[in-house]
Amino acid sequence: MTTTPTLANAERAPDAAALARPYAGALWQGVRRRDAVLPHLPPSVLLHAGPPFASVDAVPAPVRHAAVQAMLFEGLAADAAAAIALLGAGKVTLMPAQDHGVATPLAQVVSGSMPLAVVGDGASVAYAPLIEGPPPALRFGTRDAGARARLETVSAYGLDILDGWLRVHAVAMMPLIAEALAHGDDCHGRTVAANA
């Protein structure tokens, strides 16, 4: 049975090619620390996904856990209790990542020395944190110290090896995304094909 598209369906179904056009030239160009690409942000600012929180008390537990991990990663606090105290006293601030051109997943926060993927098309640039892989990971809001150890490894690899390679061999993002979608990824929750 063939269904004839209605005007209502046509209006709801976006043209994939039209949506992709503005991003056609997007290249993964390198890996840089947040403080290198956003030097106006002090080390006491942590970037999170979503809108601003009304207060420190409104910060969901997973984001709070990731913020504690980030403060420990940065050496801003000696332990979790000190990190929570800094957050409660307003000495460390949580700000929306997207307001600074950073896309960050789930509960993850991005601190000053964390590595960011640098993606641009010559006219604009955006950033996203390199993630540590499966749990324990900051994006899941873990308290497990293993996430920090993995983040240190990912940071070293991203900044010391991957960045240099990408500066010579930038990766076109749209063909990679198209390939991933063709193999069943949604480029959000399922990224098996894209990672491969």
N, C-alpha and C. Protein backbone atom coordinates (compact mmCIF):
# COMPACT_ATOMS: atom_id res chain seq x y z
N MET A 1 0.84 -1.18 0.00
CA MET A 1 0.00 0.00 0.00
C MET A 1 0.88 1.24 0.00
N THR A 2 0.61 2.16 -0.88
CA THR A 2 1.36 3.40 -0.97
C THR A 2 0.58 4.51 -0.30
N THR A 3 1.28 5.27 0.52
CA THR A 3 0.64 6.39 1.19
C THR A 3 1.09 7.68 0.52
N THR A 4 0.13 8.50 0.16
CA THR A 4 0.45 9.79 -0.43
C THR A 4 0.70 10.78 0.70
N PRO A 5 1.86 11.45 0.69
CA PRO A 5 2.13 12.39 1.77
C PRO A 5 1.13 13.54 1.75
N THR A 6 0.67 13.90 2.92
CA THR A 6 -0.22 15.04 3.04
C THR A 6 0.61 16.28 3.31
N LEU A 7 -0.01 17.43 3.17
CA LEU A 7 0.68 18.69 3.45
C LEU A 7 1.17 18.71 4.90
N ALA A 8 0.33 18.21 5.83
CA ALA A 8 0.71 18.22 7.24
C ALA A 8 1.96 17.37 7.46
N ASN A 9 2.01 16.17 6.81
CA ASN A 9 3.18 15.31 6.96
C ASN A 9 4.41 15.94 6.32
N ALA A 10 4.22 16.57 5.17
CA ALA A 10 5.34 17.20 4.47
C ALA A 10 5.92 18.33 5.32
N GLU A 11 5.06 19.05 6.03
CA GLU A 11 5.55 20.14 6.87
C GLU A 11 6.32 19.62 8.08
N ARG A 12 5.93 18.43 8.57
CA ARG A 12 6.60 17.87 9.73
C ARG A 12 7.89 17.13 9.37
N ALA A 13 7.97 16.59 8.17
CA ALA A 13 9.13 15.81 7.77
C ALA A 13 10.17 16.73 7.15
N PRO A 14 11.25 17.04 7.86
CA PRO A 14 12.25 17.94 7.30
C PRO A 14 13.03 17.29 6.16
N ASP A 15 13.49 18.10 5.26
CA ASP A 15 14.32 17.66 4.16
C ASP A 15 15.73 17.44 4.71
N ALA A 16 16.15 16.17 4.78
CA ALA A 16 17.45 15.84 5.37
C ALA A 16 18.59 16.57 4.68
N ALA A 17 18.53 16.68 3.36
CA ALA A 17 19.60 17.37 2.63
C ALA A 17 19.63 18.85 3.01
N ALA A 18 18.46 19.46 3.16
CA ALA A 18 18.41 20.87 3.53
C ALA A 18 18.94 21.08 4.94
N LEU A 19 18.61 20.14 5.83
CA LEU A 19 19.11 20.25 7.20
C LEU A 19 20.63 20.11 7.25
N ALA A 20 21.18 19.25 6.42
CA ALA A 20 22.61 18.99 6.44
C ALA A 20 23.43 20.08 5.76
N ARG A 21 22.82 20.82 4.84
CA ARG A 21 23.55 21.80 4.04
C ARG A 21 24.40 22.77 4.85
N PRO A 22 23.88 23.39 5.93
CA PRO A 22 24.72 24.34 6.66
C PRO A 22 25.93 23.69 7.33
N TYR A 23 25.88 22.37 7.52
CA TYR A 23 26.97 21.67 8.22
C TYR A 23 27.85 20.88 7.27
N ALA A 24 27.61 20.99 5.98
CA ALA A 24 28.31 20.16 4.99
C ALA A 24 29.83 20.30 5.08
N GLY A 25 30.32 21.46 5.42
CA GLY A 25 31.76 21.68 5.48
C GLY A 25 32.36 21.50 6.86
N ALA A 26 31.59 20.99 7.82
CA ALA A 26 32.09 20.84 9.19
C ALA A 26 33.20 19.80 9.26
N LEU A 27 34.33 20.20 9.82
CA LEU A 27 35.48 19.32 9.97
C LEU A 27 35.88 19.23 11.44
N TRP A 28 36.20 18.02 11.89
CA TRP A 28 36.81 17.86 13.21
C TRP A 28 38.26 18.23 13.02
N GLN A 29 38.65 19.38 13.56
CA GLN A 29 39.95 19.98 13.26
C GLN A 29 41.02 19.75 14.30
N GLY A 30 40.62 19.37 15.49
CA GLY A 30 41.63 19.20 16.53
C GLY A 30 41.02 18.94 17.88
N VAL A 31 41.87 18.88 18.89
CA VAL A 31 41.47 18.72 20.28
C VAL A 31 42.23 19.76 21.08
N ARG A 32 41.51 20.59 21.79
CA ARG A 32 42.13 21.65 22.58
C ARG A 32 41.52 21.68 23.97
N ARG A 33 42.26 22.20 24.91
CA ARG A 33 41.73 22.39 26.26
C ARG A 33 40.69 23.51 26.25
N ARG A 34 39.73 23.39 27.16
CA ARG A 34 38.71 24.44 27.24
C ARG A 34 39.34 25.81 27.50
N ASP A 35 40.31 25.87 28.39
CA ASP A 35 40.91 27.17 28.71
C ASP A 35 41.67 27.77 27.54
N ALA A 36 42.05 26.95 26.55
CA ALA A 36 42.73 27.47 25.36
C ALA A 36 41.74 28.07 24.37
N VAL A 37 40.56 27.46 24.25
CA VAL A 37 39.59 27.95 23.26
C VAL A 37 38.59 28.95 23.86
N LEU A 38 38.44 28.94 25.16
CA LEU A 38 37.53 29.86 25.85
C LEU A 38 38.28 30.53 27.00
N PRO A 39 39.33 31.30 26.68
CA PRO A 39 40.19 31.86 27.74
C PRO A 39 39.48 32.87 28.64
N HIS A 40 38.34 33.40 28.22
CA HIS A 40 37.61 34.36 29.05
C HIS A 40 36.92 33.70 30.25
N LEU A 41 36.78 32.37 30.22
CA LEU A 41 36.14 31.67 31.33
C LEU A 41 37.17 31.34 32.40
N PRO A 42 36.95 31.75 33.63
CA PRO A 42 37.90 31.41 34.70
C PRO A 42 37.82 29.93 35.05
N PRO A 43 38.87 29.40 35.70
CA PRO A 43 38.87 27.99 36.11
C PRO A 43 37.72 27.63 37.04
N SER A 44 37.15 28.61 37.71
CA SER A 44 36.06 28.36 38.65
C SER A 44 34.71 28.18 37.97
N VAL A 45 34.66 28.27 36.63
CA VAL A 45 33.41 28.06 35.89
C VAL A 45 33.40 26.65 35.32
N LEU A 46 32.31 25.95 35.57
CA LEU A 46 32.09 24.63 35.00
C LEU A 46 30.88 24.73 34.07
N LEU A 47 30.99 24.16 32.88
CA LEU A 47 29.92 24.22 31.89
C LEU A 47 29.08 22.94 31.95
N HIS A 48 27.77 23.10 31.88
CA HIS A 48 26.85 21.97 31.94
C HIS A 48 25.84 22.05 30.81
N ALA A 49 25.15 20.95 30.54
CA ALA A 49 24.10 20.91 29.51
C ALA A 49 22.83 21.55 30.06
N GLY A 50 22.05 22.12 29.16
CA GLY A 50 20.74 22.62 29.53
C GLY A 50 20.73 24.05 30.01
N PRO A 51 19.54 24.51 30.42
CA PRO A 51 19.39 25.91 30.86
C PRO A 51 20.05 26.14 32.22
N PRO A 52 20.19 27.40 32.62
CA PRO A 52 20.79 27.69 33.93
C PRO A 52 19.96 27.09 35.06
N PHE A 53 20.63 26.75 36.13
CA PHE A 53 19.94 26.27 37.32
C PHE A 53 19.51 27.47 38.16
N ALA A 54 18.33 27.39 38.73
CA ALA A 54 17.79 28.50 39.53
C ALA A 54 18.64 28.76 40.76
N SER A 55 19.23 27.71 41.31
CA SER A 55 20.08 27.83 42.50
C SER A 55 20.95 26.59 42.59
N VAL A 56 21.90 26.62 43.49
CA VAL A 56 22.75 25.44 43.71
C VAL A 56 21.91 24.26 44.17
N ASP A 57 20.87 24.54 44.94
CA ASP A 57 19.99 23.47 45.42
C ASP A 57 19.22 22.80 44.29
N ALA A 58 19.06 23.51 43.16
CA ALA A 58 18.32 22.97 42.02
C ALA A 58 19.19 22.10 41.10
N VAL A 59 20.49 22.03 41.36
CA VAL A 59 21.39 21.23 40.52
C VAL A 59 21.10 19.75 40.78
N PRO A 60 20.73 18.98 39.75
CA PRO A 60 20.46 17.55 39.95
C PRO A 60 21.69 16.81 40.48
N ALA A 61 21.46 15.79 41.26
CA ALA A 61 22.56 15.04 41.88
C ALA A 61 23.60 14.57 40.86
N PRO A 62 23.22 14.01 39.69
CA PRO A 62 24.25 13.57 38.74
C PRO A 62 25.16 14.71 38.27
N VAL A 63 24.58 15.90 38.02
CA VAL A 63 25.40 17.04 37.61
C VAL A 63 26.30 17.48 38.76
N ARG A 64 25.77 17.45 39.97
CA ARG A 64 26.58 17.79 41.15
C ARG A 64 27.76 16.82 41.28
N HIS A 65 27.49 15.53 41.09
CA HIS A 65 28.58 14.53 41.16
C HIS A 65 29.64 14.81 40.10
N ALA A 66 29.20 15.11 38.88
CA ALA A 66 30.15 15.41 37.80
C ALA A 66 30.94 16.68 38.10
N ALA A 67 30.27 17.67 38.70
CA ALA A 67 30.96 18.91 39.08
C ALA A 67 32.03 18.63 40.13
N VAL A 68 31.71 17.79 41.09
CA VAL A 68 32.70 17.41 42.11
C VAL A 68 33.89 16.73 41.45
N GLN A 69 33.61 15.80 40.53
CA GLN A 69 34.69 15.10 39.82
C GLN A 69 35.55 16.10 39.05
N ALA A 70 34.90 17.07 38.40
CA ALA A 70 35.64 18.07 37.62
C ALA A 70 36.52 18.92 38.54
N MET A 71 36.00 19.31 39.70
CA MET A 71 36.80 20.11 40.63
C MET A 71 38.00 19.32 41.13
N LEU A 72 37.81 18.03 41.39
CA LEU A 72 38.92 17.18 41.82
C LEU A 72 39.92 17.01 40.67
N PHE A 73 39.42 16.84 39.46
CA PHE A 73 40.27 16.71 38.27
C PHE A 73 41.15 17.95 38.10
N GLU A 74 40.57 19.12 38.37
CA GLU A 74 41.29 20.38 38.20
C GLU A 74 42.18 20.74 39.40
N GLY A 75 42.01 20.02 40.50
CA GLY A 75 42.76 20.38 41.71
C GLY A 75 42.16 21.59 42.41
N LEU A 76 40.90 21.91 42.13
CA LEU A 76 40.24 23.04 42.78
C LEU A 76 39.83 22.69 44.21
N ALA A 77 39.73 21.41 44.50
CA ALA A 77 39.34 20.95 45.83
C ALA A 77 40.15 19.70 46.17
N ALA A 78 40.39 19.52 47.47
CA ALA A 78 41.18 18.37 47.93
C ALA A 78 40.36 17.10 48.00
N ASP A 79 39.06 17.24 48.25
CA ASP A 79 38.19 16.07 48.35
C ASP A 79 36.76 16.47 48.01
N ALA A 80 35.87 15.48 48.02
CA ALA A 80 34.49 15.73 47.61
C ALA A 80 33.80 16.73 48.54
N ALA A 81 34.05 16.63 49.82
CA ALA A 81 33.41 17.56 50.77
C ALA A 81 33.83 19.00 50.49
N ALA A 82 35.11 19.20 50.22
CA ALA A 82 35.59 20.55 49.91
C ALA A 82 35.00 21.05 48.60
N ALA A 83 34.84 20.16 47.63
CA ALA A 83 34.26 20.54 46.35
C ALA A 83 32.80 20.96 46.53
N ILE A 84 32.06 20.21 47.30
CA ILE A 84 30.65 20.55 47.56
C ILE A 84 30.55 21.89 48.28
N ALA A 85 31.47 22.13 49.21
CA ALA A 85 31.48 23.41 49.93
C ALA A 85 31.75 24.57 48.98
N LEU A 86 32.69 24.40 48.04
CA LEU A 86 32.98 25.45 47.05
C LEU A 86 31.75 25.76 46.20
N LEU A 87 31.07 24.71 45.79
CA LEU A 87 29.87 24.88 44.97
C LEU A 87 28.78 25.59 45.77
N GLY A 88 28.58 25.16 47.00
CA GLY A 88 27.56 25.76 47.86
C GLY A 88 27.83 27.21 48.19
N ALA A 89 29.11 27.58 48.30
CA ALA A 89 29.49 28.95 48.62
C ALA A 89 29.53 29.85 47.38
N GLY A 90 29.29 29.27 46.21
CA GLY A 90 29.32 30.07 44.99
C GLY A 90 30.72 30.38 44.50
N LYS A 91 31.72 29.69 45.02
CA LYS A 91 33.10 29.93 44.58
C LYS A 91 33.41 29.18 43.29
N VAL A 92 32.56 28.22 42.96
CA VAL A 92 32.59 27.54 41.67
C VAL A 92 31.20 27.71 41.08
N THR A 93 31.15 28.12 39.82
CA THR A 93 29.89 28.46 39.17
C THR A 93 29.59 27.49 38.04
N LEU A 94 28.34 27.07 37.96
CA LEU A 94 27.87 26.24 36.85
C LEU A 94 27.19 27.15 35.84
N MET A 95 27.59 27.03 34.57
CA MET A 95 27.01 27.85 33.49
C MET A 95 26.61 26.95 32.33
N PRO A 96 25.56 27.33 31.58
CA PRO A 96 25.15 26.53 30.42
C PRO A 96 26.24 26.48 29.35
N ALA A 97 26.61 25.28 28.97
CA ALA A 97 27.68 25.07 27.99
C ALA A 97 27.34 25.67 26.64
N GLN A 98 26.08 25.51 26.20
CA GLN A 98 25.71 25.97 24.87
C GLN A 98 25.84 27.48 24.72
N ASP A 99 25.81 28.21 25.82
CA ASP A 99 26.00 29.66 25.74
C ASP A 99 27.43 30.03 25.35
N HIS A 100 28.32 29.04 25.36
CA HIS A 100 29.73 29.27 25.04
C HIS A 100 30.19 28.40 23.86
N GLY A 101 29.21 27.90 23.07
CA GLY A 101 29.54 27.13 21.88
C GLY A 101 30.00 25.71 22.18
N VAL A 102 29.64 25.20 23.36
CA VAL A 102 30.03 23.85 23.75
C VAL A 102 28.78 22.98 23.87
N ALA A 103 28.81 21.82 23.23
CA ALA A 103 27.74 20.84 23.38
C ALA A 103 28.26 19.76 24.33
N THR A 104 27.62 19.61 25.47
CA THR A 104 28.08 18.62 26.44
C THR A 104 26.95 17.65 26.75
N PRO A 105 27.26 16.36 26.87
CA PRO A 105 26.20 15.37 27.03
C PRO A 105 25.73 15.16 28.46
N LEU A 106 24.47 14.81 28.59
CA LEU A 106 23.89 14.31 29.82
C LEU A 106 24.28 15.15 31.04
N ALA A 107 24.89 14.50 32.05
CA ALA A 107 25.23 15.18 33.30
C ALA A 107 26.65 15.73 33.31
N GLN A 108 27.40 15.52 32.24
CA GLN A 108 28.81 15.94 32.23
C GLN A 108 28.95 17.45 32.38
N VAL A 109 30.00 17.84 33.08
CA VAL A 109 30.39 19.24 33.12
C VAL A 109 31.78 19.34 32.51
N VAL A 110 32.11 20.53 32.01
CA VAL A 110 33.39 20.75 31.34
C VAL A 110 34.18 21.79 32.13
N SER A 111 35.34 21.39 32.60
CA SER A 111 36.21 22.28 33.37
C SER A 111 37.34 22.80 32.48
N GLY A 112 38.15 23.69 33.03
CA GLY A 112 39.15 24.42 32.27
C GLY A 112 40.15 23.61 31.48
N SER A 113 40.67 22.53 32.06
CA SER A 113 41.72 21.79 31.35
C SER A 113 41.20 20.56 30.60
N MET A 114 39.88 20.37 30.59
CA MET A 114 39.33 19.21 29.88
C MET A 114 39.48 19.37 28.38
N PRO A 115 39.71 18.25 27.67
CA PRO A 115 39.89 18.31 26.21
C PRO A 115 38.56 18.44 25.49
N LEU A 116 38.55 19.30 24.47
CA LEU A 116 37.37 19.50 23.65
C LEU A 116 37.67 19.18 22.20
N ALA A 117 36.75 18.49 21.55
CA ALA A 117 36.82 18.33 20.10
C ALA A 117 36.51 19.69 19.48
N VAL A 118 37.30 20.11 18.52
CA VAL A 118 37.11 21.38 17.83
C VAL A 118 36.55 21.07 16.45
N VAL A 119 35.31 21.52 16.20
CA VAL A 119 34.64 21.24 14.92
C VAL A 119 34.24 22.57 14.30
N GLY A 120 34.62 22.79 13.05
CA GLY A 120 34.29 24.04 12.40
C GLY A 120 34.23 23.91 10.90
N ASP A 121 33.76 24.99 10.26
CA ASP A 121 33.62 25.00 8.80
C ASP A 121 34.32 26.19 8.16
N GLY A 122 35.17 26.86 8.91
CA GLY A 122 35.85 28.04 8.41
C GLY A 122 35.15 29.33 8.79
N ALA A 123 33.82 29.28 8.94
CA ALA A 123 33.06 30.46 9.33
C ALA A 123 32.70 30.43 10.81
N SER A 124 32.51 29.24 11.34
CA SER A 124 32.16 29.10 12.75
C SER A 124 32.82 27.85 13.32
N VAL A 125 32.85 27.80 14.64
CA VAL A 125 33.47 26.67 15.33
C VAL A 125 32.63 26.33 16.56
N ALA A 126 32.61 25.06 16.90
CA ALA A 126 31.91 24.60 18.09
C ALA A 126 32.79 23.55 18.77
N TYR A 127 32.44 23.24 20.01
CA TYR A 127 33.27 22.34 20.81
C TYR A 127 32.39 21.30 21.51
N ALA A 128 33.00 20.17 21.81
CA ALA A 128 32.34 19.12 22.60
C ALA A 128 33.43 18.36 23.35
N PRO A 129 33.15 17.97 24.60
CA PRO A 129 34.16 17.26 25.37
C PRO A 129 34.44 15.87 24.80
N LEU A 130 35.69 15.44 24.92
CA LEU A 130 36.01 14.04 24.64
C LEU A 130 35.50 13.26 25.85
N ILE A 131 34.84 12.16 25.60
CA ILE A 131 34.30 11.40 26.72
C ILE A 131 35.18 10.21 27.04
N GLU A 132 35.00 9.69 28.25
CA GLU A 132 35.88 8.64 28.77
C GLU A 132 35.45 7.24 28.39
N GLY A 133 34.40 7.08 27.60
CA GLY A 133 33.93 5.76 27.24
C GLY A 133 32.78 5.31 28.13
N PRO A 134 32.65 3.99 28.32
CA PRO A 134 31.53 3.48 29.11
C PRO A 134 31.68 3.82 30.60
N PRO A 135 30.64 3.60 31.39
CA PRO A 135 30.72 3.90 32.82
C PRO A 135 31.91 3.18 33.47
N PRO A 136 32.52 3.79 34.47
CA PRO A 136 32.15 5.07 35.08
C PRO A 136 32.65 6.23 34.22
N ALA A 137 31.78 7.21 34.01
CA ALA A 137 32.11 8.36 33.17
C ALA A 137 31.37 9.58 33.70
N LEU A 138 31.99 10.75 33.52
CA LEU A 138 31.39 11.98 34.02
C LEU A 138 30.01 12.23 33.45
N ARG A 139 29.77 11.87 32.19
CA ARG A 139 28.49 12.19 31.57
C ARG A 139 27.33 11.47 32.25
N PHE A 140 27.63 10.44 33.03
CA PHE A 140 26.58 9.72 33.77
C PHE A 140 26.46 10.23 35.21
N GLY A 141 27.25 11.24 35.57
CA GLY A 141 27.16 11.81 36.90
C GLY A 141 27.66 10.88 37.98
N THR A 142 28.74 10.19 37.71
CA THR A 142 29.27 9.21 38.65
C THR A 142 30.09 9.85 39.76
N ARG A 143 30.17 9.15 40.88
CA ARG A 143 31.07 9.54 41.98
C ARG A 143 32.34 8.70 41.94
N ASP A 144 32.38 7.71 41.07
CA ASP A 144 33.50 6.77 40.99
C ASP A 144 34.78 7.48 40.53
N ALA A 145 35.82 7.40 41.35
CA ALA A 145 37.11 8.04 41.02
C ALA A 145 37.72 7.48 39.74
N GLY A 146 37.29 6.29 39.33
CA GLY A 146 37.79 5.70 38.10
C GLY A 146 37.49 6.58 36.88
N ALA A 147 36.43 7.37 36.96
CA ALA A 147 36.10 8.28 35.84
C ALA A 147 37.20 9.32 35.66
N ARG A 148 37.75 9.81 36.77
CA ARG A 148 38.82 10.81 36.66
C ARG A 148 40.08 10.20 36.07
N ALA A 149 40.40 8.99 36.48
CA ALA A 149 41.59 8.32 35.94
C ALA A 149 41.43 8.12 34.43
N ARG A 150 40.26 7.71 33.99
CA ARG A 150 40.03 7.52 32.57
C ARG A 150 40.05 8.85 31.83
N LEU A 151 39.52 9.90 32.46
CA LEU A 151 39.54 11.23 31.85
C LEU A 151 40.98 11.71 31.66
N GLU A 152 41.85 11.41 32.61
CA GLU A 152 43.27 11.78 32.47
C GLU A 152 43.88 11.08 31.26
N THR A 153 43.56 9.80 31.09
CA THR A 153 44.08 9.04 29.95
C THR A 153 43.54 9.60 28.64
N VAL A 154 42.23 9.85 28.59
CA VAL A 154 41.62 10.40 27.38
C VAL A 154 42.19 11.79 27.08
N SER A 155 42.39 12.59 28.11
CA SER A 155 42.96 13.93 27.92
C SER A 155 44.34 13.85 27.30
N ALA A 156 45.18 13.01 27.86
CA ALA A 156 46.55 12.88 27.35
C ALA A 156 46.54 12.41 25.90
N TYR A 157 45.72 11.40 25.60
CA TYR A 157 45.65 10.90 24.23
C TYR A 157 45.13 11.98 23.29
N GLY A 158 44.03 12.65 23.70
CA GLY A 158 43.42 13.66 22.84
C GLY A 158 44.34 14.83 22.56
N LEU A 159 44.99 15.33 23.61
CA LEU A 159 45.82 16.53 23.46
C LEU A 159 47.20 16.22 22.89
N ASP A 160 47.77 15.09 23.26
CA ASP A 160 49.15 14.78 22.85
C ASP A 160 49.24 14.05 21.51
N ILE A 161 48.20 13.30 21.14
CA ILE A 161 48.28 12.48 19.93
C ILE A 161 47.21 12.86 18.91
N LEU A 162 45.96 12.80 19.32
CA LEU A 162 44.85 13.02 18.40
C LEU A 162 44.85 14.43 17.82
N ASP A 163 45.14 15.44 18.64
CA ASP A 163 45.14 16.82 18.15
C ASP A 163 46.11 17.00 16.98
N GLY A 164 47.33 16.52 17.13
CA GLY A 164 48.32 16.67 16.06
C GLY A 164 47.90 15.98 14.79
N TRP A 165 47.30 14.79 14.92
CA TRP A 165 46.85 14.05 13.73
C TRP A 165 45.72 14.81 13.04
N LEU A 166 44.73 15.31 13.84
CA LEU A 166 43.59 16.00 13.25
C LEU A 166 43.98 17.32 12.60
N ARG A 167 45.01 17.97 13.08
CA ARG A 167 45.43 19.23 12.47
C ARG A 167 45.96 19.01 11.06
N VAL A 168 46.45 17.80 10.79
CA VAL A 168 46.94 17.44 9.46
C VAL A 168 45.86 16.73 8.65
N HIS A 169 45.04 15.92 9.34
CA HIS A 169 44.03 15.09 8.67
C HIS A 169 42.65 15.37 9.25
N ALA A 170 42.14 16.57 9.07
CA ALA A 170 40.82 16.91 9.60
C ALA A 170 39.78 15.93 9.07
N VAL A 171 38.79 15.60 9.91
CA VAL A 171 37.77 14.61 9.56
C VAL A 171 36.48 15.33 9.19
N ALA A 172 35.98 15.08 7.97
CA ALA A 172 34.69 15.63 7.53
C ALA A 172 33.59 14.94 8.33
N MET A 173 32.77 15.71 8.99
CA MET A 173 31.77 15.15 9.89
C MET A 173 30.53 14.62 9.18
N MET A 174 30.02 15.29 8.14
CA MET A 174 28.77 14.86 7.52
C MET A 174 28.86 13.46 6.88
N PRO A 175 29.93 13.10 6.18
CA PRO A 175 30.01 11.73 5.67
C PRO A 175 30.03 10.70 6.79
N LEU A 176 30.70 11.03 7.88
CA LEU A 176 30.75 10.13 9.03
C LEU A 176 29.36 9.95 9.63
N ILE A 177 28.64 11.05 9.78
CA ILE A 177 27.28 11.00 10.33
C ILE A 177 26.35 10.23 9.40
N ALA A 178 26.44 10.49 8.10
CA ALA A 178 25.60 9.78 7.12
C ALA A 178 25.85 8.28 7.18
N GLU A 179 27.12 7.90 7.28
CA GLU A 179 27.48 6.47 7.37
C GLU A 179 26.90 5.86 8.65
N ALA A 180 27.02 6.58 9.75
CA ALA A 180 26.50 6.08 11.02
C ALA A 180 24.98 5.90 10.96
N LEU A 181 24.28 6.90 10.41
CA LEU A 181 22.82 6.81 10.29
C LEU A 181 22.42 5.65 9.40
N ALA A 182 23.16 5.43 8.32
CA ALA A 182 22.85 4.33 7.40
C ALA A 182 23.01 2.97 8.06
N HIS A 183 23.81 2.91 9.11
CA HIS A 183 24.03 1.65 9.82
C HIS A 183 23.27 1.57 11.14
N GLY A 184 22.23 2.41 11.28
CA GLY A 184 21.34 2.28 12.42
C GLY A 184 21.63 3.15 13.62
N ASP A 185 22.69 3.94 13.58
CA ASP A 185 22.95 4.85 14.71
C ASP A 185 21.93 5.99 14.71
N ASP A 186 21.73 6.57 15.88
CA ASP A 186 20.95 7.80 15.95
C ASP A 186 21.86 8.98 16.29
N CYS A 187 23.17 8.72 16.40
CA CYS A 187 24.18 9.73 16.71
C CYS A 187 23.89 10.43 18.04
N HIS A 188 23.26 9.71 18.93
CA HIS A 188 22.99 10.22 20.27
C HIS A 188 23.13 9.08 21.27
N GLY A 189 22.11 8.25 21.38
CA GLY A 189 22.16 7.12 22.30
C GLY A 189 22.88 5.92 21.72
N ARG A 190 22.75 5.73 20.40
CA ARG A 190 23.42 4.61 19.74
C ARG A 190 24.47 5.19 18.80
N THR A 191 25.73 4.89 19.07
CA THR A 191 26.84 5.45 18.28
C THR A 191 27.84 4.37 17.88
N VAL A 192 27.39 3.12 17.86
CA VAL A 192 28.29 2.01 17.57
C VAL A 192 28.96 2.15 16.21
N ALA A 193 28.18 2.41 15.17
CA ALA A 193 28.74 2.51 13.81
C ALA A 193 29.65 3.73 13.69
N ALA A 194 29.25 4.85 14.26
CA ALA A 194 30.08 6.05 14.18
C ALA A 194 31.42 5.83 14.90
N ASN A 195 31.37 5.20 16.06
CA ASN A 195 32.62 4.95 16.79
C ASN A 195 33.52 4.00 16.01
N ALA A 196 32.92 3.01 15.36
CA ALA A 196 33.72 2.06 14.57
C ALA A 196 34.39 2.80 13.42
